[in-house]
Amino acid sequence: MDHFVKLDRLPDGYEIPTGLREKLQFDAEGHRLVFHGYMSKTEFDSICEPTRDWAFRRSVEELFFKTVHELDAPGTGKNRILGLLSRLLPRH
């Protein structure tokens, strides 16, 4: 699944890390930073490390949380089990 955040431009001189070029893309026309799939903490660090542009780093952080939220979405993994249990247990 693709996730994106609004971003007007990449920081001056910024290049997407070589190992992430298939997962991270900047859509200059659409003003979007796009990430394909889940972003690991290591990938997050690799994306942020080359720049001190805090606005860019905040955008990457927002993108990171969007990808992590997908993993914790209802109906998958541990939340699926918790969702099933919450329906079975009486509510007070």
C-alpha atoms as a PDB file:
ATOM      1  CA  MET A   1       0.000   0.000   0.000  1.00  0.00           C
ATOM      2  CA  ASP A   2       1.222   3.492  -0.797  1.00  0.00           C
ATOM      3  CA  HIS A   3       1.240   6.252   1.808  1.00  0.00           C
ATOM      4  CA  PHE A   4       1.965   9.896   1.193  1.00  0.00           C
ATOM      5  CA  VAL A   5       2.293  13.289   2.829  1.00  0.00           C
ATOM      6  CA  LYS A   6       2.145  16.734   1.300  1.00  0.00           C
ATOM      7  CA  LEU A   7       5.604  18.106   0.595  1.00  0.00           C
ATOM      8  CA  ASP A   8       6.358  21.100  -1.600  1.00  0.00           C
ATOM      9  CA  ARG A   9       9.986  20.213  -2.265  1.00  0.00           C
ATOM     10  CA  LEU A  10      12.869  18.064  -1.130  1.00  0.00           C
ATOM     11  CA  PRO A  11      15.590  19.809   0.898  1.00  0.00           C
ATOM     12  CA  ASP A  12      18.281  21.489  -1.192  1.00  0.00           C
ATOM     13  CA  GLY A  13      20.785  18.902  -2.400  1.00  0.00           C
ATOM     14  CA  TYR A  14      18.816  15.977  -0.909  1.00  0.00           C
ATOM     15  CA  GLU A  15      18.984  12.652  -2.706  1.00  0.00           C
ATOM     16  CA  ILE A  16      16.829   9.684  -1.784  1.00  0.00           C
ATOM     17  CA  PRO A  17      19.101   6.993  -0.305  1.00  0.00           C
ATOM     18  CA  THR A  18      20.105   4.412  -2.917  1.00  0.00           C
ATOM     19  CA  GLY A  19      18.593   1.438  -1.092  1.00  0.00           C
ATOM     20  CA  LEU A  20      15.218   3.176  -0.735  1.00  0.00           C
ATOM     21  CA  ARG A  21      14.636   4.492  -4.255  1.00  0.00           C
ATOM     22  CA  GLU A  22      12.079   1.779  -5.012  1.00  0.00           C
ATOM     23  CA  LYS A  23      10.129   2.492  -1.810  1.00  0.00           C
ATOM     24  CA  LEU A  24      10.429   6.287  -1.433  1.00  0.00           C
ATOM     25  CA  GLN A  25       9.533   8.691  -4.205  1.00  0.00           C
ATOM     26  CA  PHE A  26       8.923  12.403  -4.480  1.00  0.00           C
ATOM     27  CA  ASP A  27       6.125  13.513  -6.792  1.00  0.00           C
ATOM     28  CA  ALA A  28       7.177  17.081  -7.650  1.00  0.00           C
ATOM     29  CA  GLU A  29       4.025  17.809  -9.673  1.00  0.00           C
ATOM     30  CA  GLY A  30       1.673  16.487  -7.000  1.00  0.00           C
ATOM     31  CA  HIS A  31       3.781  17.879  -4.128  1.00  0.00           C
ATOM     32  CA  ARG A  32       3.768  14.501  -2.404  1.00  0.00           C
ATOM     33  CA  LEU A  33       6.340  12.332  -0.692  1.00  0.00           C
ATOM     34  CA  VAL A  34       5.260   8.724  -1.273  1.00  0.00           C
ATOM     35  CA  PHE A  35       6.348   5.556   0.533  1.00  0.00           C
ATOM     36  CA  HIS A  36       5.402   2.076  -0.656  1.00  0.00           C
ATOM     37  CA  GLY A  37       4.517  -0.316   2.174  1.00  0.00           C
ATOM     38  CA  TYR A  38       5.726  -0.333   5.769  1.00  0.00           C
ATOM     39  CA  MET A  39       8.611   1.933   6.813  1.00  0.00           C
ATOM     40  CA  SER A  40      10.993   0.473   9.381  1.00  0.00           C
ATOM     41  CA  LYS A  41      12.787   2.628  11.953  1.00  0.00           C
ATOM     42  CA  THR A  42      16.037   1.902  10.124  1.00  0.00           C
ATOM     43  CA  GLU A  43      14.531   3.170   6.860  1.00  0.00           C
ATOM     44  CA  PHE A  44      13.191   6.247   8.665  1.00  0.00           C
ATOM     45  CA  ASP A  45      16.674   6.985  10.023  1.00  0.00           C
ATOM     46  CA  SER A  46      18.255   6.484   6.574  1.00  0.00           C
ATOM     47  CA  ILE A  47      15.797   8.935   5.013  1.00  0.00           C
ATOM     48  CA  CYS A  48      16.310  11.624   7.665  1.00  0.00           C
ATOM     49  CA  GLU A  49      20.050  11.275   8.262  1.00  0.00           C
ATOM     50  CA  PRO A  50      21.308  13.186   5.184  1.00  0.00           C
ATOM     51  CA  THR A  51      19.535  16.438   6.107  1.00  0.00           C
ATOM     52  CA  ARG A  52      18.989  18.843   8.976  1.00  0.00           C
ATOM     53  CA  ASP A  53      15.809  20.240   7.355  1.00  0.00           C
ATOM     54  CA  TRP A  54      13.366  19.881  10.250  1.00  0.00           C
ATOM     55  CA  ALA A  55      10.260  20.487   8.142  1.00  0.00           C
ATOM     56  CA  PHE A  56      11.299  17.586   5.913  1.00  0.00           C
ATOM     57  CA  ARG A  57      12.037  15.399   8.929  1.00  0.00           C
ATOM     58  CA  ARG A  58       8.578  16.149  10.373  1.00  0.00           C
ATOM     59  CA  SER A  59       7.000  15.161   7.055  1.00  0.00           C
ATOM     60  CA  VAL A  60       8.965  11.891   7.037  1.00  0.00           C
ATOM     61  CA  GLU A  61       7.878  11.284  10.636  1.00  0.00           C
ATOM     62  CA  GLU A  62       4.236  11.790   9.635  1.00  0.00           C
ATOM     63  CA  LEU A  63       4.759   9.354   6.756  1.00  0.00           C
ATOM     64  CA  PHE A  64       6.399   6.854   9.116  1.00  0.00           C
ATOM     65  CA  PHE A  65       3.390   6.933  11.461  1.00  0.00           C
ATOM     66  CA  LYS A  66       1.015   6.420   8.543  1.00  0.00           C
ATOM     67  CA  THR A  67       2.847   3.256   7.522  1.00  0.00           C
ATOM     68  CA  VAL A  68       2.964   1.952  11.097  1.00  0.00           C
ATOM     69  CA  HIS A  69      -0.743   2.681  11.539  1.00  0.00           C
ATOM     70  CA  GLU A  70      -1.410   0.340   8.614  1.00  0.00           C
ATOM     71  CA  LEU A  71       0.248  -2.502  10.536  1.00  0.00           C
ATOM     72  CA  ASP A  72      -1.958  -1.839  13.569  1.00  0.00           C
ATOM     73  CA  ALA A  73      -5.166  -1.486  11.543  1.00  0.00           C
ATOM     74  CA  PRO A  74      -8.179  -3.403  12.875  1.00  0.00           C
ATOM     75  CA  GLY A  75      -8.499  -6.882  11.473  1.00  0.00           C
ATOM     76  CA  THR A  76      -4.786  -7.595  11.300  1.00  0.00           C
ATOM     77  CA  GLY A  77      -2.251  -9.023  13.694  1.00  0.00           C
ATOM     78  CA  LYS A  78      -2.643  -8.439  17.418  1.00  0.00           C
ATOM     79  CA  ASN A  79      -5.473  -5.936  16.931  1.00  0.00           C
ATOM     80  CA  ARG A  80      -7.519  -8.596  15.206  1.00  0.00           C
ATOM     81  CA  ILE A  81      -7.331 -10.763  18.315  1.00  0.00           C
ATOM     82  CA  LEU A  82      -8.079  -7.814  20.603  1.00  0.00           C
ATOM     83  CA  GLY A  83     -11.017  -6.842  18.389  1.00  0.00           C
ATOM     84  CA  LEU A  84     -12.442 -10.360  18.577  1.00  0.00           C
ATOM     85  CA  LEU A  85     -12.012 -10.488  22.351  1.00  0.00           C
ATOM     86  CA  SER A  86     -13.648  -7.114  22.839  1.00  0.00           C
ATOM     87  CA  ARG A  87     -16.721  -8.360  20.988  1.00  0.00           C
ATOM     88  CA  LEU A  88     -16.888 -11.497  23.107  1.00  0.00           C
ATOM     89  CA  LEU A  89     -16.404  -9.909  26.515  1.00  0.00           C
ATOM     90  CA  PRO A  90     -19.339  -8.130  28.196  1.00  0.00           C
ATOM     91  CA  ARG A  91     -19.152  -4.340  28.311  1.00  0.00           C
ATOM     92  CA  HIS A  92     -19.702  -2.475  31.569  1.00  0.00           C
END
